Amino acid sequence: MKTKVILAGVLACIGISAQAQNVQTEEPKGKAIVQVFGNFHTGFGAENNDRGFELERSYLGYEYNFGNGLSTKAVMDIGKSSDVSDYQRIAYIKNAMVSWKKGGLTLNGGLISTTQFNFQEKFWGYRYIMKSFQDEYKFGSSADLGLSVAYKFADWISADAIIVNGEGYKKIQKNDGLNYGLGVTLTPIKGFQIRFYGGLNESGEEGKKNITNMAAFMGYKNEKYTIGAEYNYMKNASYKEDANQSGYSVFTSINLSKSTSLYARFDDLYSKDDWNLSKDESAAILGAQFKLGKYVKIAPTFRMTMPKADEAKNGYYAYVNCYFGF
């Protein structure tokens, strides 16, 4: 009898161990990161010669969760150079970071995503079609080397702080200055969010001015539609005194079904005393997104740019943007 009891206990332990191993097998700790942005576009009128297929950006990486809130992520960014005379593709390390989460606290270190416009970009939701306002018009970098901390005090309020080199992820640290940022996110009611951000990017060089960034965002999102608006201000752009820029962006999207949505957006960028008039513009996009399964999106889009410089002509473009990712 004792032998049977012991044998039954051993078998039960083996069964429990096997179930535990199965659970671990069914929940992998690591995952690959693959995102590819491409398009075919053609201009009209004055932009008639601007046409072709374009592979805008590819993100390749891996994320691993060690458990107990600790995780790491490494991502390569394969894109094009900002130098218009350089037609070669360039690969950068976009993220090489460690994160730790415990309760409402999140810590990030390494080559991390910045907090300046990350929230707006996610709320906009169509990064592969067009960058969010601050990213599109170079108000800051989307990643940098440093540390960030965020804390959720309650369901309706959270705050974050960041300190990074200030030169982005495409350049090594050249100057001694650092970039500091503080942000607060409010959620008064479900789906409705407000965010304020302020940042100071030290020049680190005598004779150059510190850059100040300020941003305010407000948006509402539910299963049927999204609407958002943001205002952005940058003082001493490129560390130049009185080279101030500001602008706003408003956007909306409507989900017609699980696989189809419509979206529209309008941007307006302007500079103090027209110092950057050659690049000041208004821009509008209108389009539709179709999800082809779980990993592929296609979005035919109409774009219009309206330069503010005298005698500059409006630009009209038709795009078919494509996204593949998991």
C-alpha atoms as a PDB file:
ATOM      1  CA  MET A   1       0.000   0.000   0.000  1.00  0.00           C
ATOM      2  CA  LYS A   2       2.814   2.383   0.937  1.00  0.00           C
ATOM      3  CA  THR A   3       4.578   1.542  -2.312  1.00  0.00           C
ATOM      4  CA  LYS A   4       1.461   2.496  -4.314  1.00  0.00           C
ATOM      5  CA  VAL A   5       1.128   5.781  -2.437  1.00  0.00           C
ATOM      6  CA  ILE A   6       4.780   6.660  -3.044  1.00  0.00           C
ATOM      7  CA  LEU A   7       4.492   5.696  -6.731  1.00  0.00           C
ATOM      8  CA  ALA A   8       1.358   7.824  -7.119  1.00  0.00           C
ATOM      9  CA  GLY A   9       3.160  10.770  -5.521  1.00  0.00           C
ATOM     10  CA  VAL A  10       6.135  10.429  -7.855  1.00  0.00           C
ATOM     11  CA  LEU A  11       3.873  10.266 -10.909  1.00  0.00           C
ATOM     12  CA  ALA A  12       1.963  13.329  -9.713  1.00  0.00           C
ATOM     13  CA  CYS A  13       5.226  15.277  -9.313  1.00  0.00           C
ATOM     14  CA  ILE A  14       6.331  14.221 -12.801  1.00  0.00           C
ATOM     15  CA  GLY A  15       2.978  15.324 -14.208  1.00  0.00           C
ATOM     16  CA  ILE A  16       3.168  18.717 -12.501  1.00  0.00           C
ATOM     17  CA  SER A  17       6.752  19.223 -13.737  1.00  0.00           C
ATOM     18  CA  ALA A  18       5.734  18.307 -17.288  1.00  0.00           C
ATOM     19  CA  GLN A  19       2.831  20.771 -17.196  1.00  0.00           C
ATOM     20  CA  ALA A  20       5.158  23.506 -15.938  1.00  0.00           C
ATOM     21  CA  GLN A  21       7.602  22.802 -18.753  1.00  0.00           C
ATOM     22  CA  ASN A  22       4.765  22.929 -21.283  1.00  0.00           C
ATOM     23  CA  VAL A  23       3.644  26.301 -19.927  1.00  0.00           C
ATOM     24  CA  GLN A  24       7.203  27.639 -20.273  1.00  0.00           C
ATOM     25  CA  THR A  25       7.405  26.296 -23.818  1.00  0.00           C
ATOM     26  CA  GLU A  26       4.095  27.932 -24.778  1.00  0.00           C
ATOM     27  CA  GLU A  27       5.245  31.331 -23.545  1.00  0.00           C
ATOM     28  CA  PRO A  28       8.520  32.219 -25.297  1.00  0.00           C
ATOM     29  CA  LYS A  29      10.516  34.960 -23.636  1.00  0.00           C
ATOM     30  CA  GLY A  30      12.048  36.369 -26.789  1.00  0.00           C
ATOM     31  CA  LYS A  31      10.644  37.723 -30.035  1.00  0.00           C
ATOM     32  CA  ALA A  32      12.026  39.036 -33.277  1.00  0.00           C
ATOM     33  CA  ILE A  33      11.354  42.618 -34.379  1.00  0.00           C
ATOM     34  CA  VAL A  34      10.856  43.126 -38.112  1.00  0.00           C
ATOM     35  CA  GLN A  35       9.323  46.264 -39.630  1.00  0.00           C
ATOM     36  CA  VAL A  36       9.627  47.362 -43.255  1.00  0.00           C
ATOM     37  CA  PHE A  37       8.273  50.654 -44.685  1.00  0.00           C
ATOM     38  CA  GLY A  38       8.014  51.095 -48.437  1.00  0.00           C
ATOM     39  CA  ASN A  39       6.016  53.021 -51.027  1.00  0.00           C
ATOM     40  CA  PHE A  40       5.380  53.792 -54.644  1.00  0.00           C
ATOM     41  CA  HIS A  41       4.770  57.482 -55.309  1.00  0.00           C
ATOM     42  CA  THR A  42       4.293  59.889 -58.160  1.00  0.00           C
ATOM     43  CA  GLY A  43       4.072  63.667 -58.266  1.00  0.00           C
ATOM     44  CA  PHE A  44       1.803  65.841 -60.365  1.00  0.00           C
ATOM     45  CA  GLY A  45       2.268  69.185 -62.071  1.00  0.00           C
ATOM     46  CA  ALA A  46       5.543  70.792 -60.968  1.00  0.00           C
ATOM     47  CA  GLU A  47       6.493  67.535 -59.209  1.00  0.00           C
ATOM     48  CA  ASN A  48       5.710  65.282 -62.170  1.00  0.00           C
ATOM     49  CA  ASN A  49       9.294  63.930 -62.351  1.00  0.00           C
ATOM     50  CA  ASP A  50       9.270  62.786 -58.719  1.00  0.00           C
ATOM     51  CA  ARG A  51       8.169  59.167 -58.974  1.00  0.00           C
ATOM     52  CA  GLY A  52       9.345  55.668 -58.219  1.00  0.00           C
ATOM     53  CA  PHE A  53       9.487  52.849 -55.702  1.00  0.00           C
ATOM     54  CA  GLU A  54      11.104  53.574 -52.359  1.00  0.00           C
ATOM     55  CA  LEU A  55      12.198  51.427 -49.430  1.00  0.00           C
ATOM     56  CA  GLU A  56      12.060  54.092 -46.754  1.00  0.00           C
ATOM     57  CA  ARG A  57      13.125  52.217 -43.639  1.00  0.00           C
ATOM     58  CA  SER A  58      13.681  48.775 -42.154  1.00  0.00           C
ATOM     59  CA  TYR A  59      13.882  47.877 -38.474  1.00  0.00           C
ATOM     60  CA  LEU A  60      15.450  44.542 -37.585  1.00  0.00           C
ATOM     61  CA  GLY A  61      16.005  43.429 -34.011  1.00  0.00           C
ATOM     62  CA  TYR A  62      15.244  41.198 -31.078  1.00  0.00           C
ATOM     63  CA  GLU A  63      13.588  41.672 -27.697  1.00  0.00           C
ATOM     64  CA  TYR A  64      14.068  39.345 -24.723  1.00  0.00           C
ATOM     65  CA  ASN A  65      12.209  39.232 -21.426  1.00  0.00           C
ATOM     66  CA  PHE A  66      14.223  37.775 -18.554  1.00  0.00           C
ATOM     67  CA  GLY A  67      11.318  37.827 -16.094  1.00  0.00           C
ATOM     68  CA  ASN A  68      10.819  39.844 -12.911  1.00  0.00           C
ATOM     69  CA  GLY A  69      10.269  42.948 -15.032  1.00  0.00           C
ATOM     70  CA  LEU A  70      13.715  42.877 -16.661  1.00  0.00           C
ATOM     71  CA  SER A  71      14.006  42.957 -20.457  1.00  0.00           C
ATOM     72  CA  THR A  72      16.423  43.963 -23.188  1.00  0.00           C
ATOM     73  CA  LYS A  73      16.000  45.108 -26.788  1.00  0.00           C
ATOM     74  CA  ALA A  74      18.350  45.655 -29.717  1.00  0.00           C
ATOM     75  CA  VAL A  75      17.194  47.138 -33.045  1.00  0.00           C
ATOM     76  CA  MET A  76      18.993  48.062 -36.263  1.00  0.00           C
ATOM     77  CA  ASP A  77      17.636  50.941 -38.358  1.00  0.00           C
ATOM     78  CA  ILE A  78      18.393  50.646 -42.067  1.00  0.00           C
ATOM     79  CA  GLY A  79      17.505  53.810 -43.927  1.00  0.00           C
ATOM     80  CA  LYS A  80      18.859  56.595 -46.101  1.00  0.00           C
ATOM     81  CA  SER A  81      21.341  59.325 -45.355  1.00  0.00           C
ATOM     82  CA  SER A  82      20.204  62.878 -44.637  1.00  0.00           C
ATOM     83  CA  ASP A  83      22.844  64.015 -47.131  1.00  0.00           C
ATOM     84  CA  VAL A  84      20.934  64.503 -50.394  1.00  0.00           C
ATOM     85  CA  SER A  85      24.053  63.653 -52.425  1.00  0.00           C
ATOM     86  CA  ASP A  86      24.440  60.286 -50.655  1.00  0.00           C
ATOM     87  CA  TYR A  87      22.396  57.549 -52.341  1.00  0.00           C
ATOM     88  CA  GLN A  88      23.777  54.695 -50.249  1.00  0.00           C
ATOM     89  CA  ARG A  89      21.700  52.966 -47.587  1.00  0.00           C
ATOM     90  CA  ILE A  90      23.052  53.382 -44.070  1.00  0.00           C
ATOM     91  CA  ALA A  91      22.529  51.104 -41.062  1.00  0.00           C
ATOM     92  CA  TYR A  92      22.367  52.495 -37.542  1.00  0.00           C
ATOM     93  CA  ILE A  93      21.855  50.980 -34.118  1.00  0.00           C
ATOM     94  CA  LYS A  94      18.434  52.402 -33.186  1.00  0.00           C
ATOM     95  CA  ASN A  95      18.040  50.712 -29.794  1.00  0.00           C
ATOM     96  CA  ALA A  96      20.411  48.831 -27.511  1.00  0.00           C
ATOM     97  CA  MET A  97      18.680  49.082 -24.189  1.00  0.00           C
ATOM     98  CA  VAL A  98      17.748  47.438 -20.907  1.00  0.00           C
ATOM     99  CA  SER A  99      14.364  48.017 -19.236  1.00  0.00           C
ATOM    100  CA  TRP A 100      13.027  47.214 -15.784  1.00  0.00           C
ATOM    101  CA  LYS A 101       9.381  47.450 -14.751  1.00  0.00           C
ATOM    102  CA  LYS A 102       8.029  47.122 -11.243  1.00  0.00           C
ATOM    103  CA  GLY A 103       4.506  48.195 -10.416  1.00  0.00           C
ATOM    104  CA  GLY A 104       4.020  51.687 -11.822  1.00  0.00           C
ATOM    105  CA  LEU A 105       7.772  52.282 -12.248  1.00  0.00           C
ATOM    106  CA  THR A 106       9.660  51.864 -15.551  1.00  0.00           C
ATOM    107  CA  LEU A 107      13.417  52.407 -15.968  1.00  0.00           C
ATOM    108  CA  ASN A 108      15.238  52.416 -19.323  1.00  0.00           C
ATOM    109  CA  GLY A 109      18.965  52.664 -19.994  1.00  0.00           C
ATOM    110  CA  GLY A 110      21.249  52.522 -23.026  1.00  0.00           C
ATOM    111  CA  LEU A 111      20.372  53.615 -26.539  1.00  0.00           C
ATOM    112  CA  ILE A 112      16.717  54.240 -25.724  1.00  0.00           C
ATOM    113  CA  SER A 113      13.621  55.667 -27.388  1.00  0.00           C
ATOM    114  CA  THR A 114      13.195  59.305 -26.398  1.00  0.00           C
ATOM    115  CA  THR A 115      10.028  60.657 -24.809  1.00  0.00           C
ATOM    116  CA  GLN A 116       9.801  63.947 -26.710  1.00  0.00           C
ATOM    117  CA  PHE A 117       7.245  62.751 -29.264  1.00  0.00           C
ATOM    118  CA  ASN A 118       6.980  58.988 -28.744  1.00  0.00           C
ATOM    119  CA  PHE A 119       3.505  59.364 -27.220  1.00  0.00           C
ATOM    120  CA  GLN A 120       2.188  61.431 -30.148  1.00  0.00           C
ATOM    121  CA  GLU A 121       3.667  59.000 -32.668  1.00  0.00           C
ATOM    122  CA  LYS A 122       1.868  56.038 -31.103  1.00  0.00           C
ATOM    123  CA  PHE A 123      -1.388  57.981 -30.856  1.00  0.00           C
ATOM    124  CA  TRP A 124      -1.141  58.995 -34.529  1.00  0.00           C
ATOM    125  CA  GLY A 125      -0.623  55.326 -35.396  1.00  0.00           C
ATOM    126  CA  TYR A 126       0.474  55.697 -39.040  1.00  0.00           C
ATOM    127  CA  ARG A 127       4.233  56.093 -38.692  1.00  0.00           C
ATOM    128  CA  TYR A 128       4.934  54.121 -41.879  1.00  0.00           C
ATOM    129  CA  ILE A 129       2.870  56.653 -43.860  1.00  0.00           C
ATOM    130  CA  MET A 130       4.169  59.853 -42.288  1.00  0.00           C
ATOM    131  CA  LYS A 131       6.221  60.672 -39.203  1.00  0.00           C
ATOM    132  CA  SER A 132       4.621  62.608 -36.351  1.00  0.00           C
ATOM    133  CA  PHE A 133       5.054  66.393 -36.505  1.00  0.00           C
ATOM    134  CA  GLN A 134       8.213  66.806 -34.395  1.00  0.00           C
ATOM    135  CA  ASP A 135       9.955  63.911 -36.111  1.00  0.00           C
ATOM    136  CA  GLU A 136       8.925  65.070 -39.583  1.00  0.00           C
ATOM    137  CA  TYR A 137      10.252  68.610 -39.069  1.00  0.00           C
ATOM    138  CA  LYS A 138      13.375  67.721 -37.024  1.00  0.00           C
ATOM    139  CA  PHE A 139      12.377  69.091 -33.614  1.00  0.00           C
ATOM    140  CA  GLY A 140      14.252  66.213 -31.988  1.00  0.00           C
ATOM    141  CA  SER A 141      15.501  62.657 -32.315  1.00  0.00           C
ATOM    142  CA  SER A 142      13.444  59.502 -31.783  1.00  0.00           C
ATOM    143  CA  ALA A 143      16.282  57.702 -29.924  1.00  0.00           C
ATOM    144  CA  ASP A 144      19.413  58.658 -28.005  1.00  0.00           C
ATOM    145  CA  LEU A 145      21.942  57.347 -25.508  1.00  0.00           C
ATOM    146  CA  GLY A 146      21.007  57.866 -21.859  1.00  0.00           C
ATOM    147  CA  LEU A 147      18.463  57.074 -19.150  1.00  0.00           C
ATOM    148  CA  SER A 148      14.723  57.536 -18.696  1.00  0.00           C
ATOM    149  CA  VAL A 149      12.270  56.900 -15.886  1.00  0.00           C
ATOM    150  CA  ALA A 150       8.475  56.859 -15.865  1.00  0.00           C
ATOM    151  CA  TYR A 151       5.996  56.405 -13.029  1.00  0.00           C
ATOM    152  CA  LYS A 152       2.244  55.865 -13.096  1.00  0.00           C
ATOM    153  CA  PHE A 153       0.870  57.534  -9.967  1.00  0.00           C
ATOM    154  CA  ALA A 154      -2.739  56.606 -10.719  1.00  0.00           C
ATOM    155  CA  ASP A 155      -4.923  55.589 -13.663  1.00  0.00           C
ATOM    156  CA  TRP A 156      -5.355  59.245 -14.568  1.00  0.00           C
ATOM    157  CA  ILE A 157      -1.809  60.605 -14.200  1.00  0.00           C
ATOM    158  CA  SER A 158       1.758  59.541 -15.042  1.00  0.00           C
ATOM    159  CA  ALA A 159       5.053  61.380 -15.396  1.00  0.00           C
ATOM    160  CA  ASP A 160       8.397  60.724 -17.057  1.00  0.00           C
ATOM    161  CA  ALA A 161      11.899  62.175 -17.102  1.00  0.00           C
ATOM    162  CA  ILE A 162      14.806  61.604 -19.469  1.00  0.00           C
ATOM    163  CA  ILE A 163      18.469  62.585 -19.733  1.00  0.00           C
ATOM    164  CA  VAL A 164      20.371  61.750 -22.948  1.00  0.00           C
ATOM    165  CA  ASN A 165      23.315  62.985 -24.992  1.00  0.00           C
ATOM    166  CA  GLY A 166      21.139  65.195 -27.169  1.00  0.00           C
ATOM    167  CA  GLU A 167      22.701  64.309 -30.518  1.00  0.00           C
ATOM    168  CA  GLY A 168      20.439  61.430 -31.507  1.00  0.00           C
ATOM    169  CA  TYR A 169      21.266  57.838 -32.350  1.00  0.00           C
ATOM    170  CA  LYS A 170      22.994  58.529 -35.689  1.00  0.00           C
ATOM    171  CA  LYS A 171      25.900  60.498 -34.213  1.00  0.00           C
ATOM    172  CA  ILE A 172      28.479  59.843 -31.525  1.00  0.00           C
ATOM    173  CA  GLN A 173      28.689  62.182 -28.517  1.00  0.00           C
ATOM    174  CA  LYS A 174      30.606  65.225 -29.762  1.00  0.00           C
ATOM    175  CA  ASN A 175      29.583  68.046 -27.442  1.00  0.00           C
ATOM    176  CA  ASP A 176      29.580  68.122 -23.628  1.00  0.00           C
ATOM    177  CA  GLY A 177      25.942  69.232 -23.393  1.00  0.00           C
ATOM    178  CA  LEU A 178      23.085  66.951 -22.387  1.00  0.00           C
ATOM    179  CA  ASN A 179      19.388  66.859 -23.246  1.00  0.00           C
ATOM    180  CA  TYR A 180      16.897  66.891 -20.345  1.00  0.00           C
ATOM    181  CA  GLY A 181      13.163  66.332 -20.637  1.00  0.00           C
ATOM    182  CA  LEU A 182      10.097  66.155 -18.402  1.00  0.00           C
ATOM    183  CA  GLY A 183       6.640  64.989 -19.412  1.00  0.00           C
ATOM    184  CA  VAL A 184       3.220  64.591 -17.775  1.00  0.00           C
ATOM    185  CA  THR A 185       0.346  62.550 -19.199  1.00  0.00           C
ATOM    186  CA  LEU A 186      -3.233  62.940 -17.990  1.00  0.00           C
ATOM    187  CA  THR A 187      -6.184  60.629 -18.663  1.00  0.00           C
ATOM    188  CA  PRO A 188      -9.264  62.403 -17.244  1.00  0.00           C
ATOM    189  CA  ILE A 189     -11.649  59.867 -18.779  1.00  0.00           C
ATOM    190  CA  LYS A 190     -11.147  56.615 -20.651  1.00  0.00           C
ATOM    191  CA  GLY A 191      -9.774  57.246 -24.153  1.00  0.00           C
ATOM    192  CA  PHE A 192      -9.125  60.966 -23.612  1.00  0.00           C
ATOM    193  CA  GLN A 193      -5.482  61.892 -22.995  1.00  0.00           C
ATOM    194  CA  ILE A 194      -3.548  65.122 -22.508  1.00  0.00           C
ATOM    195  CA  ARG A 195       0.236  65.409 -22.523  1.00  0.00           C
ATOM    196  CA  PHE A 196       2.678  68.221 -21.755  1.00  0.00           C
ATOM    197  CA  TYR A 197       6.409  68.047 -22.413  1.00  0.00           C
ATOM    198  CA  GLY A 198       9.334  70.378 -21.855  1.00  0.00           C
ATOM    199  CA  GLY A 199      12.976  69.821 -22.770  1.00  0.00           C
ATOM    200  CA  LEU A 200      16.345  71.570 -22.646  1.00  0.00           C
ATOM    201  CA  ASN A 201      19.128  70.509 -25.012  1.00  0.00           C
ATOM    202  CA  GLU A 202      22.442  72.063 -23.953  1.00  0.00           C
ATOM    203  CA  SER A 203      24.704  73.244 -26.758  1.00  0.00           C
ATOM    204  CA  GLY A 204      27.953  72.346 -24.987  1.00  0.00           C
ATOM    205  CA  GLU A 205      29.783  74.889 -27.135  1.00  0.00           C
ATOM    206  CA  GLU A 206      30.641  78.501 -26.406  1.00  0.00           C
ATOM    207  CA  GLY A 207      28.796  80.922 -28.642  1.00  0.00           C
ATOM    208  CA  LYS A 208      25.882  78.577 -29.286  1.00  0.00           C
ATOM    209  CA  LYS A 209      22.523  78.704 -27.539  1.00  0.00           C
ATOM    210  CA  ASN A 210      20.666  75.919 -25.760  1.00  0.00           C
ATOM    211  CA  ILE A 211      17.638  74.490 -27.533  1.00  0.00           C
ATOM    212  CA  THR A 212      14.310  74.590 -25.704  1.00  0.00           C
ATOM    213  CA  ASN A 213      11.413  72.328 -26.708  1.00  0.00           C
ATOM    214  CA  MET A 214       7.826  72.570 -25.496  1.00  0.00           C
ATOM    215  CA  ALA A 215       4.849  70.544 -26.625  1.00  0.00           C
ATOM    216  CA  ALA A 216       1.187  70.108 -25.750  1.00  0.00           C
ATOM    217  CA  PHE A 217      -1.023  67.308 -27.045  1.00  0.00           C
ATOM    218  CA  MET A 218      -4.669  66.358 -26.646  1.00  0.00           C
ATOM    219  CA  GLY A 219      -6.445  63.383 -28.178  1.00  0.00           C
ATOM    220  CA  TYR A 220      -9.339  60.979 -27.908  1.00  0.00           C
ATOM    221  CA  LYS A 221      -9.403  57.386 -29.130  1.00  0.00           C
ATOM    222  CA  ASN A 222     -11.938  54.561 -29.077  1.00  0.00           C
ATOM    223  CA  GLU A 223     -12.706  51.502 -31.210  1.00  0.00           C
ATOM    224  CA  LYS A 224     -14.415  53.556 -33.913  1.00  0.00           C
ATOM    225  CA  TYR A 225     -12.306  56.684 -34.353  1.00  0.00           C
ATOM    226  CA  THR A 226      -9.260  58.690 -33.274  1.00  0.00           C
ATOM    227  CA  ILE A 227      -8.791  62.442 -33.129  1.00  0.00           C
ATOM    228  CA  GLY A 228      -5.733  64.378 -31.959  1.00  0.00           C
ATOM    229  CA  ALA A 229      -4.121  67.821 -31.975  1.00  0.00           C
ATOM    230  CA  GLU A 230      -0.671  69.010 -30.924  1.00  0.00           C
ATOM    231  CA  TYR A 231       1.208  72.303 -30.691  1.00  0.00           C
ATOM    232  CA  ASN A 232       5.019  72.381 -30.710  1.00  0.00           C
ATOM    233  CA  TYR A 233       7.565  75.111 -30.072  1.00  0.00           C
ATOM    234  CA  MET A 234      11.343  75.000 -30.477  1.00  0.00           C
ATOM    235  CA  LYS A 235      13.601  77.886 -29.429  1.00  0.00           C
ATOM    236  CA  ASN A 236      17.112  78.312 -30.874  1.00  0.00           C
ATOM    237  CA  ALA A 237      16.912  75.567 -33.503  1.00  0.00           C
ATOM    238  CA  SER A 238      20.323  74.139 -34.417  1.00  0.00           C
ATOM    239  CA  TYR A 239      21.688  76.050 -31.364  1.00  0.00           C
ATOM    240  CA  LYS A 240      21.238  79.391 -33.171  1.00  0.00           C
ATOM    241  CA  GLU A 241      19.924  82.367 -31.235  1.00  0.00           C
ATOM    242  CA  ASP A 242      16.355  83.424 -32.127  1.00  0.00           C
ATOM    243  CA  ALA A 243      16.049  80.612 -34.665  1.00  0.00           C
ATOM    244  CA  ASN A 244      12.625  79.760 -33.274  1.00  0.00           C
ATOM    245  CA  GLN A 245      10.120  77.418 -34.897  1.00  0.00           C
ATOM    246  CA  SER A 246       6.589  76.428 -34.025  1.00  0.00           C
ATOM    247  CA  GLY A 247       3.672  74.626 -35.532  1.00  0.00           C
ATOM    248  CA  TYR A 248       0.684  72.416 -35.016  1.00  0.00           C
ATOM    249  CA  SER A 249      -0.743  69.175 -36.313  1.00  0.00           C
ATOM    250  CA  VAL A 250      -4.328  67.898 -36.274  1.00  0.00           C
ATOM    251  CA  PHE A 251      -5.379  64.427 -37.388  1.00  0.00           C
ATOM    252  CA  THR A 252      -8.220  61.955 -37.334  1.00  0.00           C
ATOM    253  CA  SER A 253      -8.943  58.396 -38.387  1.00  0.00           C
ATOM    254  CA  ILE A 254     -12.144  56.353 -38.659  1.00  0.00           C
ATOM    255  CA  ASN A 255     -12.314  52.561 -38.501  1.00  0.00           C
ATOM    256  CA  LEU A 256     -14.841  51.354 -41.069  1.00  0.00           C
ATOM    257  CA  SER A 257     -14.138  47.714 -40.216  1.00  0.00           C
ATOM    258  CA  LYS A 258     -11.416  45.595 -38.605  1.00  0.00           C
ATOM    259  CA  SER A 259      -9.392  45.761 -41.818  1.00  0.00           C
ATOM    260  CA  THR A 260     -10.264  49.185 -43.275  1.00  0.00           C
ATOM    261  CA  SER A 261      -9.794  52.716 -41.968  1.00  0.00           C
ATOM    262  CA  LEU A 262      -9.735  56.273 -43.296  1.00  0.00           C
ATOM    263  CA  TYR A 263      -7.332  58.969 -42.056  1.00  0.00           C
ATOM    264  CA  ALA A 264      -6.583  62.644 -42.596  1.00  0.00           C
ATOM    265  CA  ARG A 265      -3.995  65.046 -41.208  1.00  0.00           C
ATOM    266  CA  PHE A 266      -2.997  68.696 -41.533  1.00  0.00           C
ATOM    267  CA  ASP A 267       0.351  70.220 -40.422  1.00  0.00           C
ATOM    268  CA  ASP A 268       1.442  73.845 -40.278  1.00  0.00           C
ATOM    269  CA  LEU A 269       5.095  74.811 -39.697  1.00  0.00           C
ATOM    270  CA  TYR A 270       6.359  78.373 -39.401  1.00  0.00           C
ATOM    271  CA  SER A 271       9.446  80.202 -38.130  1.00  0.00           C
ATOM    272  CA  LYS A 272      10.043  83.435 -36.232  1.00  0.00           C
ATOM    273  CA  ASP A 273      10.497  86.393 -38.613  1.00  0.00           C
ATOM    274  CA  ASP A 274      10.524  83.878 -41.500  1.00  0.00           C
ATOM    275  CA  TRP A 275      14.154  82.932 -40.864  1.00  0.00           C
ATOM    276  CA  ASN A 276      13.415  79.432 -42.211  1.00  0.00           C
ATOM    277  CA  LEU A 277      10.942  80.495 -44.877  1.00  0.00           C
ATOM    278  CA  SER A 278      12.399  78.192 -47.542  1.00  0.00           C
ATOM    279  CA  LYS A 279      11.307  75.190 -45.435  1.00  0.00           C
ATOM    280  CA  ASP A 280       8.180  76.594 -43.784  1.00  0.00           C
ATOM    281  CA  GLU A 281       5.074  74.916 -45.125  1.00  0.00           C
ATOM    282  CA  SER A 282       1.621  73.544 -44.587  1.00  0.00           C
ATOM    283  CA  ALA A 283       0.966  69.925 -45.496  1.00  0.00           C
ATOM    284  CA  ALA A 284      -2.125  67.740 -45.752  1.00  0.00           C
ATOM    285  CA  ILE A 285      -2.664  64.023 -46.309  1.00  0.00           C
ATOM    286  CA  LEU A 286      -5.794  61.990 -46.933  1.00  0.00           C
ATOM    287  CA  GLY A 287      -5.979  58.250 -47.409  1.00  0.00           C
ATOM    288  CA  ALA A 288      -7.233  54.792 -46.532  1.00  0.00           C
ATOM    289  CA  GLN A 289      -5.540  51.828 -44.869  1.00  0.00           C
ATOM    290  CA  PHE A 290      -6.244  48.183 -45.673  1.00  0.00           C
ATOM    291  CA  LYS A 291      -4.932  45.364 -43.482  1.00  0.00           C
ATOM    292  CA  LEU A 292      -4.066  42.273 -45.511  1.00  0.00           C
ATOM    293  CA  GLY A 293      -3.897  39.699 -42.766  1.00  0.00           C
ATOM    294  CA  LYS A 294      -1.943  40.144 -39.560  1.00  0.00           C
ATOM    295  CA  TYR A 295       1.392  41.452 -40.839  1.00  0.00           C
ATOM    296  CA  VAL A 296       0.741  43.538 -43.983  1.00  0.00           C
ATOM    297  CA  LYS A 297      -0.850  46.977 -44.439  1.00  0.00           C
ATOM    298  CA  ILE A 298      -1.384  48.944 -47.645  1.00  0.00           C
ATOM    299  CA  ALA A 299      -2.389  52.614 -47.685  1.00  0.00           C
ATOM    300  CA  PRO A 300      -3.147  54.645 -50.831  1.00  0.00           C
ATOM    301  CA  THR A 301      -2.586  58.277 -49.864  1.00  0.00           C
ATOM    302  CA  PHE A 302      -2.940  61.715 -51.420  1.00  0.00           C
ATOM    303  CA  ARG A 303      -0.494  64.370 -50.194  1.00  0.00           C
ATOM    304  CA  MET A 304      -0.335  68.099 -50.703  1.00  0.00           C
ATOM    305  CA  THR A 305       2.459  70.452 -49.598  1.00  0.00           C
ATOM    306  CA  MET A 306       1.982  74.225 -49.538  1.00  0.00           C
ATOM    307  CA  PRO A 307       5.316  76.106 -49.194  1.00  0.00           C
ATOM    308  CA  LYS A 308       5.153  79.559 -47.624  1.00  0.00           C
ATOM    309  CA  ALA A 309       7.991  81.048 -49.662  1.00  0.00           C
ATOM    310  CA  ASP A 310       6.952  83.557 -52.317  1.00  0.00           C
ATOM    311  CA  GLU A 311       6.401  82.082 -55.776  1.00  0.00           C
ATOM    312  CA  ALA A 312       6.903  78.528 -54.469  1.00  0.00           C
ATOM    313  CA  LYS A 313       4.382  76.149 -55.997  1.00  0.00           C
ATOM    314  CA  ASN A 314       2.237  73.666 -54.183  1.00  0.00           C
ATOM    315  CA  GLY A 315       3.224  70.021 -54.491  1.00  0.00           C
ATOM    316  CA  TYR A 316       0.742  67.223 -55.200  1.00  0.00           C
ATOM    317  CA  TYR A 317       1.571  63.537 -54.782  1.00  0.00           C
ATOM    318  CA  ALA A 318      -0.097  60.152 -54.874  1.00  0.00           C
ATOM    319  CA  TYR A 319       1.392  57.434 -52.651  1.00  0.00           C
ATOM    320  CA  VAL A 320       0.799  53.778 -52.050  1.00  0.00           C
ATOM    321  CA  ASN A 321       2.469  53.085 -48.704  1.00  0.00           C
ATOM    322  CA  CYS A 322       3.202  49.519 -47.632  1.00  0.00           C
ATOM    323  CA  TYR A 323       4.037  48.041 -44.231  1.00  0.00           C
ATOM    324  CA  PHE A 324       5.230  44.602 -43.225  1.00  0.00           C
ATOM    325  CA  GLY A 325       6.005  43.827 -39.627  1.00  0.00           C
ATOM    326  CA  PHE A 326       5.647  41.665 -36.546  1.00  0.00           C
END
